[in-house]
Amino acid sequence: MSLKHALLGLLSERPASGYDLLKQFETSLANVWPATQSQIYTELTKLAGSGLITVVAEGPRGRKEYALTDDGLAELRHWLTGTTPQRNTRSDVLLRVFFLGVLSPEQARAYLTELTELSAEGYEQLRRLSDSIDWDDGNLSVYGRIALEYGLRFNAMRREWAEWAARQIT
């Protein structure tokens, strides 16, 4: 996935400014694809330059509102149906687990306990986020809830796994 496709997806729902998109990232996509303000604005400039989005309104202090073009919608649909999702092959968490044997058993268990706590915190953050959103019947709400549920289940599974893994260390 790329920031490009995340922005095209958000703009498929309705036109938005860079600031609006940043807020949407913070409240809906953060667990899937985090992005900084500078990354978003840089990508918006590229998307506009390639004709995938267009500026539909300009306001004070250089505020621009962007909308998806027909070419942008075609690119988003192609990405959704014509490309295979990349398999995540890198995990800093699991790479560290692979080498926990160089630590004392206490240090290894401490790492897994910390992972347990981080997973529990991640779960709670997503639960609070879910509670704070005014869900509606729009596509971003429907599919956003599905993606958020993945994050909740992933954090619950990782917490349970880390607890189990810590018990395996003798």
N, C-alpha and C. Protein backbone atom coordinates (compact mmCIF):
# COMPACT_ATOMS: atom_id res chain seq x y z
N MET A 1 0.85 -1.18 0.00
CA MET A 1 0.00 0.00 0.00
C MET A 1 0.88 1.23 0.00
N SER A 2 0.35 2.28 -0.50
CA SER A 2 1.10 3.52 -0.52
C SER A 2 0.25 4.65 0.00
N LEU A 3 0.91 5.70 0.37
CA LEU A 3 0.21 6.90 0.79
C LEU A 3 -0.67 7.42 -0.35
N LYS A 4 -0.19 7.27 -1.55
CA LYS A 4 -0.94 7.68 -2.73
C LYS A 4 -2.34 7.06 -2.73
N HIS A 5 -2.41 5.77 -2.53
CA HIS A 5 -3.70 5.09 -2.58
C HIS A 5 -4.56 5.39 -1.35
N ALA A 6 -3.93 5.61 -0.23
CA ALA A 6 -4.69 5.99 0.96
C ALA A 6 -5.37 7.34 0.74
N LEU A 7 -4.66 8.29 0.16
CA LEU A 7 -5.24 9.61 -0.11
C LEU A 7 -6.33 9.52 -1.17
N LEU A 8 -6.09 8.75 -2.23
CA LEU A 8 -7.12 8.58 -3.25
C LEU A 8 -8.37 7.97 -2.64
N GLY A 9 -8.19 6.99 -1.75
CA GLY A 9 -9.33 6.36 -1.10
C GLY A 9 -10.12 7.33 -0.24
N LEU A 10 -9.42 8.16 0.52
CA LEU A 10 -10.12 9.14 1.35
C LEU A 10 -10.85 10.17 0.48
N LEU A 11 -10.23 10.58 -0.61
CA LEU A 11 -10.86 11.57 -1.48
C LEU A 11 -12.00 10.97 -2.30
N SER A 12 -12.09 9.65 -2.36
CA SER A 12 -13.20 9.03 -3.09
C SER A 12 -14.52 9.27 -2.37
N GLU A 13 -14.44 9.54 -1.08
CA GLU A 13 -15.64 9.79 -0.28
C GLU A 13 -16.16 11.22 -0.48
N ARG A 14 -15.22 12.19 -0.46
CA ARG A 14 -15.60 13.59 -0.64
C ARG A 14 -14.33 14.44 -0.74
N PRO A 15 -14.44 15.63 -1.36
CA PRO A 15 -13.29 16.54 -1.43
C PRO A 15 -12.82 16.92 -0.03
N ALA A 16 -11.53 17.20 0.09
CA ALA A 16 -10.97 17.55 1.39
C ALA A 16 -9.69 18.34 1.22
N SER A 17 -9.35 19.11 2.24
CA SER A 17 -8.09 19.85 2.26
C SER A 17 -7.00 18.93 2.85
N GLY A 18 -5.77 19.37 2.72
CA GLY A 18 -4.67 18.62 3.33
C GLY A 18 -4.87 18.47 4.83
N TYR A 19 -5.33 19.53 5.47
CA TYR A 19 -5.59 19.49 6.92
C TYR A 19 -6.69 18.48 7.24
N ASP A 20 -7.77 18.50 6.44
CA ASP A 20 -8.87 17.54 6.66
C ASP A 20 -8.36 16.11 6.52
N LEU A 21 -7.52 15.88 5.51
CA LEU A 21 -6.98 14.54 5.29
C LEU A 21 -6.07 14.11 6.44
N LEU A 22 -5.26 15.05 6.94
CA LEU A 22 -4.40 14.74 8.09
C LEU A 22 -5.25 14.31 9.27
N LYS A 23 -6.33 15.01 9.54
CA LYS A 23 -7.22 14.65 10.66
C LYS A 23 -7.86 13.28 10.42
N GLN A 24 -8.23 12.98 9.17
CA GLN A 24 -8.79 11.67 8.88
C GLN A 24 -7.76 10.57 9.12
N PHE A 25 -6.50 10.84 8.77
CA PHE A 25 -5.45 9.87 9.05
C PHE A 25 -5.34 9.63 10.55
N GLU A 26 -5.37 10.70 11.32
CA GLU A 26 -5.20 10.58 12.76
C GLU A 26 -6.35 9.83 13.42
N THR A 27 -7.56 9.97 12.87
CA THR A 27 -8.71 9.35 13.51
C THR A 27 -9.20 8.07 12.85
N SER A 28 -8.67 7.73 11.68
CA SER A 28 -9.19 6.52 11.06
C SER A 28 -8.12 5.62 10.49
N LEU A 29 -7.07 6.15 9.93
CA LEU A 29 -6.08 5.31 9.28
C LEU A 29 -4.81 5.08 10.09
N ALA A 30 -4.70 5.69 11.24
CA ALA A 30 -3.46 5.62 12.01
C ALA A 30 -3.03 4.19 12.30
N ASN A 31 -3.98 3.29 12.54
CA ASN A 31 -3.58 1.91 12.85
C ASN A 31 -3.26 1.12 11.59
N VAL A 32 -3.62 1.65 10.42
CA VAL A 32 -3.38 0.95 9.17
C VAL A 32 -2.18 1.54 8.42
N TRP A 33 -2.15 2.85 8.34
CA TRP A 33 -1.13 3.52 7.54
C TRP A 33 -0.90 4.92 8.09
N PRO A 34 0.00 5.08 9.03
CA PRO A 34 0.26 6.42 9.59
C PRO A 34 0.98 7.32 8.57
N ALA A 35 0.73 8.61 8.66
CA ALA A 35 1.38 9.57 7.77
C ALA A 35 1.53 10.90 8.49
N THR A 36 2.61 11.58 8.17
CA THR A 36 2.85 12.90 8.75
C THR A 36 2.28 13.98 7.85
N GLN A 37 2.18 15.17 8.39
CA GLN A 37 1.67 16.32 7.62
C GLN A 37 2.51 16.55 6.38
N SER A 38 3.83 16.54 6.53
CA SER A 38 4.68 16.81 5.37
C SER A 38 4.55 15.73 4.31
N GLN A 39 4.39 14.47 4.72
CA GLN A 39 4.21 13.39 3.75
C GLN A 39 2.91 13.59 2.96
N ILE A 40 1.85 13.95 3.68
CA ILE A 40 0.55 14.13 3.03
C ILE A 40 0.59 15.27 2.03
N TYR A 41 1.13 16.42 2.42
CA TYR A 41 1.16 17.57 1.52
C TYR A 41 2.07 17.32 0.31
N THR A 42 3.18 16.63 0.52
CA THR A 42 4.06 16.28 -0.59
C THR A 42 3.34 15.37 -1.58
N GLU A 43 2.64 14.38 -1.06
CA GLU A 43 1.92 13.43 -1.93
C GLU A 43 0.76 14.12 -2.64
N LEU A 44 0.06 15.03 -1.98
CA LEU A 44 -1.03 15.76 -2.65
C LEU A 44 -0.51 16.54 -3.85
N THR A 45 0.65 17.16 -3.70
CA THR A 45 1.25 17.90 -4.80
C THR A 45 1.56 16.96 -5.97
N LYS A 46 2.11 15.78 -5.67
CA LYS A 46 2.40 14.79 -6.72
C LYS A 46 1.12 14.31 -7.40
N LEU A 47 0.09 14.02 -6.61
CA LEU A 47 -1.17 13.53 -7.17
C LEU A 47 -1.82 14.57 -8.07
N ALA A 48 -1.78 15.82 -7.65
CA ALA A 48 -2.34 16.90 -8.47
C ALA A 48 -1.52 17.05 -9.75
N GLY A 49 -0.21 16.95 -9.64
CA GLY A 49 0.66 17.06 -10.82
C GLY A 49 0.45 15.95 -11.82
N SER A 50 0.05 14.77 -11.35
CA SER A 50 -0.17 13.64 -12.26
C SER A 50 -1.62 13.55 -12.72
N GLY A 51 -2.47 14.48 -12.29
CA GLY A 51 -3.85 14.51 -12.75
C GLY A 51 -4.78 13.53 -12.05
N LEU A 52 -4.34 12.92 -10.95
CA LEU A 52 -5.20 11.98 -10.23
C LEU A 52 -6.15 12.68 -9.27
N ILE A 53 -5.79 13.90 -8.87
CA ILE A 53 -6.67 14.76 -8.07
C ILE A 53 -6.59 16.16 -8.65
N THR A 54 -7.54 16.99 -8.28
CA THR A 54 -7.54 18.37 -8.75
C THR A 54 -7.92 19.29 -7.60
N VAL A 55 -7.47 20.52 -7.67
CA VAL A 55 -7.85 21.53 -6.68
C VAL A 55 -9.23 22.05 -7.09
N VAL A 56 -10.20 21.93 -6.17
CA VAL A 56 -11.56 22.38 -6.48
C VAL A 56 -11.93 23.66 -5.75
N ALA A 57 -11.13 24.05 -4.77
CA ALA A 57 -11.40 25.30 -4.05
C ALA A 57 -10.11 25.76 -3.39
N GLU A 58 -9.96 27.08 -3.28
CA GLU A 58 -8.82 27.66 -2.58
C GLU A 58 -9.35 28.66 -1.57
N GLY A 59 -8.72 28.67 -0.40
CA GLY A 59 -9.17 29.54 0.66
C GLY A 59 -8.04 30.37 1.24
N PRO A 60 -8.30 30.95 2.40
CA PRO A 60 -7.28 31.78 3.04
C PRO A 60 -6.04 30.97 3.43
N ARG A 61 -4.93 31.68 3.50
CA ARG A 61 -3.65 31.10 3.90
C ARG A 61 -3.23 29.91 3.03
N GLY A 62 -3.58 29.96 1.76
CA GLY A 62 -3.16 28.92 0.82
C GLY A 62 -3.89 27.60 0.94
N ARG A 63 -5.00 27.59 1.68
CA ARG A 63 -5.76 26.34 1.86
C ARG A 63 -6.32 25.89 0.52
N LYS A 64 -6.09 24.62 0.21
CA LYS A 64 -6.62 24.04 -1.03
C LYS A 64 -7.48 22.84 -0.68
N GLU A 65 -8.58 22.73 -1.40
CA GLU A 65 -9.43 21.56 -1.26
C GLU A 65 -9.28 20.73 -2.52
N TYR A 66 -9.04 19.43 -2.32
CA TYR A 66 -8.78 18.53 -3.43
C TYR A 66 -9.94 17.58 -3.65
N ALA A 67 -10.11 17.17 -4.90
CA ALA A 67 -11.12 16.16 -5.25
C ALA A 67 -10.47 15.14 -6.18
N LEU A 68 -11.01 13.97 -6.15
CA LEU A 68 -10.56 12.88 -7.01
C LEU A 68 -11.01 13.13 -8.44
N THR A 69 -10.14 12.90 -9.40
CA THR A 69 -10.52 12.98 -10.81
C THR A 69 -10.96 11.59 -11.28
N ASP A 70 -11.48 11.53 -12.49
CA ASP A 70 -11.85 10.22 -13.06
C ASP A 70 -10.62 9.32 -13.16
N ASP A 71 -9.48 9.90 -13.55
CA ASP A 71 -8.24 9.11 -13.61
C ASP A 71 -7.83 8.62 -12.22
N GLY A 72 -8.05 9.45 -11.21
CA GLY A 72 -7.72 9.05 -9.84
C GLY A 72 -8.60 7.91 -9.37
N LEU A 73 -9.88 7.97 -9.69
CA LEU A 73 -10.79 6.89 -9.33
C LEU A 73 -10.41 5.61 -10.06
N ALA A 74 -10.04 5.73 -11.34
CA ALA A 74 -9.61 4.55 -12.11
C ALA A 74 -8.35 3.94 -11.49
N GLU A 75 -7.41 4.79 -11.07
CA GLU A 75 -6.19 4.28 -10.43
C GLU A 75 -6.51 3.57 -9.12
N LEU A 76 -7.40 4.14 -8.33
CA LEU A 76 -7.78 3.52 -7.06
C LEU A 76 -8.44 2.17 -7.31
N ARG A 77 -9.35 2.12 -8.27
CA ARG A 77 -10.02 0.85 -8.59
C ARG A 77 -9.03 -0.18 -9.11
N HIS A 78 -8.08 0.26 -9.93
CA HIS A 78 -7.05 -0.66 -10.44
C HIS A 78 -6.23 -1.22 -9.28
N TRP A 79 -5.84 -0.34 -8.37
CA TRP A 79 -5.04 -0.78 -7.22
C TRP A 79 -5.83 -1.78 -6.37
N LEU A 80 -7.11 -1.54 -6.19
CA LEU A 80 -7.94 -2.43 -5.36
C LEU A 80 -8.17 -3.79 -6.01
N THR A 81 -8.34 -3.82 -7.32
CA THR A 81 -8.71 -5.07 -7.99
C THR A 81 -7.64 -5.66 -8.89
N GLY A 82 -6.71 -4.86 -9.34
CA GLY A 82 -5.74 -5.32 -10.33
C GLY A 82 -4.35 -5.58 -9.81
N THR A 83 -4.13 -5.35 -8.54
CA THR A 83 -2.80 -5.60 -7.96
C THR A 83 -2.95 -6.51 -6.75
N THR A 84 -1.93 -7.29 -6.51
CA THR A 84 -1.93 -8.20 -5.36
C THR A 84 -1.37 -7.45 -4.15
N PRO A 85 -2.06 -7.52 -3.01
CA PRO A 85 -1.52 -6.86 -1.81
C PRO A 85 -0.14 -7.42 -1.46
N GLN A 86 0.73 -6.53 -1.02
CA GLN A 86 2.06 -6.98 -0.61
C GLN A 86 1.95 -7.72 0.71
N ARG A 87 2.65 -8.81 0.79
CA ARG A 87 2.70 -9.58 2.03
C ARG A 87 3.71 -8.92 2.96
N ASN A 88 3.28 -8.64 4.18
CA ASN A 88 4.21 -8.08 5.15
C ASN A 88 5.25 -9.13 5.49
N THR A 89 6.49 -8.82 5.21
CA THR A 89 7.55 -9.79 5.47
C THR A 89 8.52 -9.31 6.54
N ARG A 90 8.42 -8.09 6.96
CA ARG A 90 9.33 -7.56 7.97
C ARG A 90 8.57 -7.28 9.26
N SER A 91 9.14 -7.73 10.35
CA SER A 91 8.56 -7.45 11.65
C SER A 91 9.69 -7.24 12.65
N ASP A 92 9.85 -6.01 13.06
CA ASP A 92 10.86 -5.68 14.06
C ASP A 92 10.61 -6.47 15.34
N VAL A 93 9.33 -6.60 15.70
CA VAL A 93 8.96 -7.33 16.91
C VAL A 93 9.44 -8.77 16.85
N LEU A 94 9.13 -9.47 15.76
CA LEU A 94 9.49 -10.89 15.66
C LEU A 94 10.98 -11.09 15.41
N LEU A 95 11.62 -10.17 14.74
CA LEU A 95 13.07 -10.27 14.58
C LEU A 95 13.76 -10.25 15.94
N ARG A 96 13.29 -9.38 16.82
CA ARG A 96 13.85 -9.33 18.17
C ARG A 96 13.58 -10.63 18.93
N VAL A 97 12.37 -11.17 18.77
CA VAL A 97 12.03 -12.43 19.43
C VAL A 97 12.99 -13.53 18.99
N PHE A 98 13.32 -13.55 17.71
CA PHE A 98 14.23 -14.55 17.18
C PHE A 98 15.55 -14.57 17.93
N PHE A 99 15.99 -13.40 18.38
CA PHE A 99 17.31 -13.29 19.01
C PHE A 99 17.26 -13.07 20.52
N LEU A 100 16.12 -13.31 21.14
CA LEU A 100 16.03 -13.14 22.60
C LEU A 100 16.95 -14.09 23.35
N GLY A 101 17.40 -15.14 22.70
CA GLY A 101 18.31 -16.09 23.34
C GLY A 101 19.64 -15.49 23.76
N VAL A 102 20.01 -14.33 23.23
CA VAL A 102 21.27 -13.71 23.64
C VAL A 102 21.10 -12.95 24.96
N LEU A 103 19.87 -12.84 25.43
CA LEU A 103 19.58 -12.17 26.70
C LEU A 103 19.39 -13.20 27.80
N SER A 104 19.37 -12.74 29.01
CA SER A 104 19.02 -13.62 30.11
C SER A 104 17.53 -13.94 30.01
N PRO A 105 17.09 -15.06 30.60
CA PRO A 105 15.65 -15.36 30.57
C PRO A 105 14.80 -14.23 31.16
N GLU A 106 15.30 -13.56 32.18
CA GLU A 106 14.56 -12.46 32.78
C GLU A 106 14.39 -11.30 31.80
N GLN A 107 15.47 -10.99 31.07
CA GLN A 107 15.40 -9.91 30.08
C GLN A 107 14.47 -10.28 28.93
N ALA A 108 14.52 -11.54 28.51
CA ALA A 108 13.64 -12.00 27.43
C ALA A 108 12.18 -11.91 27.86
N ARG A 109 11.88 -12.36 29.07
CA ARG A 109 10.50 -12.27 29.58
C ARG A 109 10.08 -10.81 29.72
N ALA A 110 11.01 -9.95 30.13
CA ALA A 110 10.69 -8.52 30.27
C ALA A 110 10.31 -7.93 28.91
N TYR A 111 11.02 -8.32 27.85
CA TYR A 111 10.68 -7.84 26.51
C TYR A 111 9.26 -8.27 26.14
N LEU A 112 8.95 -9.52 26.39
CA LEU A 112 7.62 -10.04 26.05
C LEU A 112 6.53 -9.42 26.92
N THR A 113 6.86 -9.13 28.18
CA THR A 113 5.90 -8.46 29.05
C THR A 113 5.63 -7.05 28.55
N GLU A 114 6.67 -6.37 28.10
CA GLU A 114 6.50 -5.03 27.53
C GLU A 114 5.63 -5.11 26.26
N LEU A 115 5.84 -6.12 25.46
CA LEU A 115 5.02 -6.30 24.26
C LEU A 115 3.56 -6.57 24.65
N THR A 116 3.36 -7.33 25.71
CA THR A 116 2.01 -7.58 26.21
C THR A 116 1.34 -6.26 26.57
N GLU A 117 2.06 -5.42 27.30
CA GLU A 117 1.52 -4.13 27.73
C GLU A 117 1.26 -3.20 26.54
N LEU A 118 2.19 -3.17 25.57
CA LEU A 118 1.99 -2.33 24.38
C LEU A 118 0.77 -2.78 23.58
N SER A 119 0.57 -4.08 23.50
CA SER A 119 -0.59 -4.62 22.78
C SER A 119 -1.88 -4.26 23.50
N ALA A 120 -1.88 -4.35 24.83
CA ALA A 120 -3.06 -3.98 25.61
C ALA A 120 -3.36 -2.49 25.44
N GLU A 121 -2.30 -1.66 25.44
CA GLU A 121 -2.49 -0.22 25.25
C GLU A 121 -3.02 0.07 23.85
N GLY A 122 -2.48 -0.62 22.84
CA GLY A 122 -2.95 -0.44 21.47
C GLY A 122 -4.41 -0.80 21.33
N TYR A 123 -4.80 -1.88 21.99
CA TYR A 123 -6.20 -2.30 21.97
C TYR A 123 -7.09 -1.22 22.59
N GLU A 124 -6.68 -0.71 23.74
CA GLU A 124 -7.48 0.30 24.42
C GLU A 124 -7.57 1.60 23.62
N GLN A 125 -6.48 1.99 22.97
CA GLN A 125 -6.51 3.19 22.13
C GLN A 125 -7.51 3.03 20.99
N LEU A 126 -7.50 1.88 20.37
CA LEU A 126 -8.44 1.64 19.27
C LEU A 126 -9.88 1.56 19.78
N ARG A 127 -10.08 0.98 20.94
CA ARG A 127 -11.43 0.90 21.51
C ARG A 127 -11.95 2.30 21.79
N ARG A 128 -11.09 3.17 22.38
CA ARG A 128 -11.49 4.55 22.65
C ARG A 128 -11.76 5.30 21.34
N LEU A 129 -10.93 5.05 20.34
CA LEU A 129 -11.14 5.68 19.04
C LEU A 129 -12.49 5.26 18.48
N SER A 130 -12.79 3.98 18.54
CA SER A 130 -14.07 3.48 18.05
C SER A 130 -15.23 4.15 18.76
N ASP A 131 -15.11 4.31 20.08
CA ASP A 131 -16.16 4.94 20.87
C ASP A 131 -16.33 6.42 20.55
N SER A 132 -15.25 7.06 20.08
CA SER A 132 -15.30 8.51 19.84
C SER A 132 -15.80 8.89 18.46
N ILE A 133 -15.88 7.93 17.57
CA ILE A 133 -16.27 8.22 16.19
C ILE A 133 -17.78 8.18 16.05
N ASP A 134 -18.30 9.16 15.33
CA ASP A 134 -19.72 9.20 15.03
C ASP A 134 -19.94 8.40 13.75
N TRP A 135 -20.08 7.09 13.90
CA TRP A 135 -20.21 6.20 12.76
C TRP A 135 -21.51 6.48 12.01
N ASP A 136 -21.45 6.39 10.69
CA ASP A 136 -22.66 6.53 9.87
C ASP A 136 -22.70 5.39 8.86
N ASP A 137 -23.52 5.50 7.84
CA ASP A 137 -23.65 4.43 6.86
C ASP A 137 -22.76 4.64 5.63
N GLY A 138 -21.90 5.66 5.67
CA GLY A 138 -21.01 5.93 4.54
C GLY A 138 -19.94 4.86 4.41
N ASN A 139 -19.36 4.79 3.22
CA ASN A 139 -18.34 3.78 2.96
C ASN A 139 -17.17 3.83 3.93
N LEU A 140 -16.68 5.04 4.23
CA LEU A 140 -15.54 5.13 5.14
C LEU A 140 -15.89 4.63 6.53
N SER A 141 -17.11 4.84 6.97
CA SER A 141 -17.53 4.33 8.27
C SER A 141 -17.67 2.81 8.25
N VAL A 142 -18.35 2.30 7.25
CA VAL A 142 -18.58 0.85 7.18
C VAL A 142 -17.26 0.10 7.09
N TYR A 143 -16.44 0.48 6.14
CA TYR A 143 -15.18 -0.24 5.94
C TYR A 143 -14.12 0.18 6.96
N GLY A 144 -14.24 1.40 7.47
CA GLY A 144 -13.35 1.82 8.55
C GLY A 144 -13.55 1.00 9.81
N ARG A 145 -14.82 0.69 10.11
CA ARG A 145 -15.11 -0.18 11.28
C ARG A 145 -14.53 -1.56 11.08
N ILE A 146 -14.59 -2.06 9.86
CA ILE A 146 -14.03 -3.38 9.57
C ILE A 146 -12.52 -3.36 9.78
N ALA A 147 -11.86 -2.32 9.29
CA ALA A 147 -10.41 -2.20 9.47
C ALA A 147 -10.06 -2.01 10.94
N LEU A 148 -10.85 -1.23 11.66
CA LEU A 148 -10.59 -1.01 13.08
C LEU A 148 -10.75 -2.32 13.85
N GLU A 149 -11.71 -3.12 13.48
CA GLU A 149 -11.90 -4.43 14.13
C GLU A 149 -10.67 -5.31 13.94
N TYR A 150 -10.05 -5.23 12.77
CA TYR A 150 -8.81 -5.96 12.54
C TYR A 150 -7.75 -5.52 13.56
N GLY A 151 -7.61 -4.21 13.74
CA GLY A 151 -6.63 -3.70 14.70
C GLY A 151 -6.92 -4.17 16.12
N LEU A 152 -8.19 -4.17 16.49
CA LEU A 152 -8.57 -4.65 17.83
C LEU A 152 -8.20 -6.13 17.98
N ARG A 153 -8.58 -6.93 17.01
CA ARG A 153 -8.30 -8.37 17.08
C ARG A 153 -6.81 -8.66 17.04
N PHE A 154 -6.07 -7.91 16.21
CA PHE A 154 -4.62 -8.10 16.12
C PHE A 154 -3.95 -7.81 17.46
N ASN A 155 -4.31 -6.70 18.08
CA ASN A 155 -3.71 -6.36 19.37
C ASN A 155 -4.08 -7.37 20.44
N ALA A 156 -5.31 -7.87 20.42
CA ALA A 156 -5.72 -8.89 21.39
C ALA A 156 -4.92 -10.18 21.17
N MET A 157 -4.75 -10.57 19.91
CA MET A 157 -3.99 -11.78 19.61
C MET A 157 -2.53 -11.63 20.00
N ARG A 158 -1.94 -10.48 19.69
CA ARG A 158 -0.52 -10.27 20.01
C ARG A 158 -0.30 -10.26 21.52
N ARG A 159 -1.23 -9.68 22.27
CA ARG A 159 -1.12 -9.70 23.73
C ARG A 159 -1.17 -11.13 24.24
N GLU A 160 -2.13 -11.89 23.77
CA GLU A 160 -2.27 -13.29 24.20
C GLU A 160 -1.03 -14.10 23.81
N TRP A 161 -0.51 -13.88 22.60
CA TRP A 161 0.68 -14.60 22.15
C TRP A 161 1.89 -14.23 23.01
N ALA A 162 2.08 -12.95 23.30
CA ALA A 162 3.23 -12.51 24.11
C ALA A 162 3.17 -13.09 25.52
N GLU A 163 1.96 -13.18 26.09
CA GLU A 163 1.81 -13.82 27.41
C GLU A 163 2.22 -15.30 27.32
N TRP A 164 1.75 -15.98 26.28
CA TRP A 164 2.10 -17.39 26.09
C TRP A 164 3.61 -17.53 25.90
N ALA A 165 4.21 -16.69 25.04
CA ALA A 165 5.64 -16.78 24.74
C ALA A 165 6.47 -16.58 26.01
N ALA A 166 6.07 -15.64 26.86
CA ALA A 166 6.81 -15.39 28.10
C ALA A 166 6.81 -16.63 28.98
N ARG A 167 5.70 -17.38 28.98
CA ARG A 167 5.63 -18.62 29.78
C ARG A 167 6.51 -19.74 29.23
N GLN A 168 6.92 -19.63 27.96
CA GLN A 168 7.74 -20.67 27.33
C GLN A 168 9.21 -20.55 27.73
N ILE A 169 9.59 -19.41 28.26
CA ILE A 169 11.00 -19.16 28.59
C ILE A 169 11.30 -19.73 29.96
N THR A 170 12.27 -20.61 30.03
CA THR A 170 12.63 -21.24 31.33
C THR A 170 13.92 -20.69 31.89
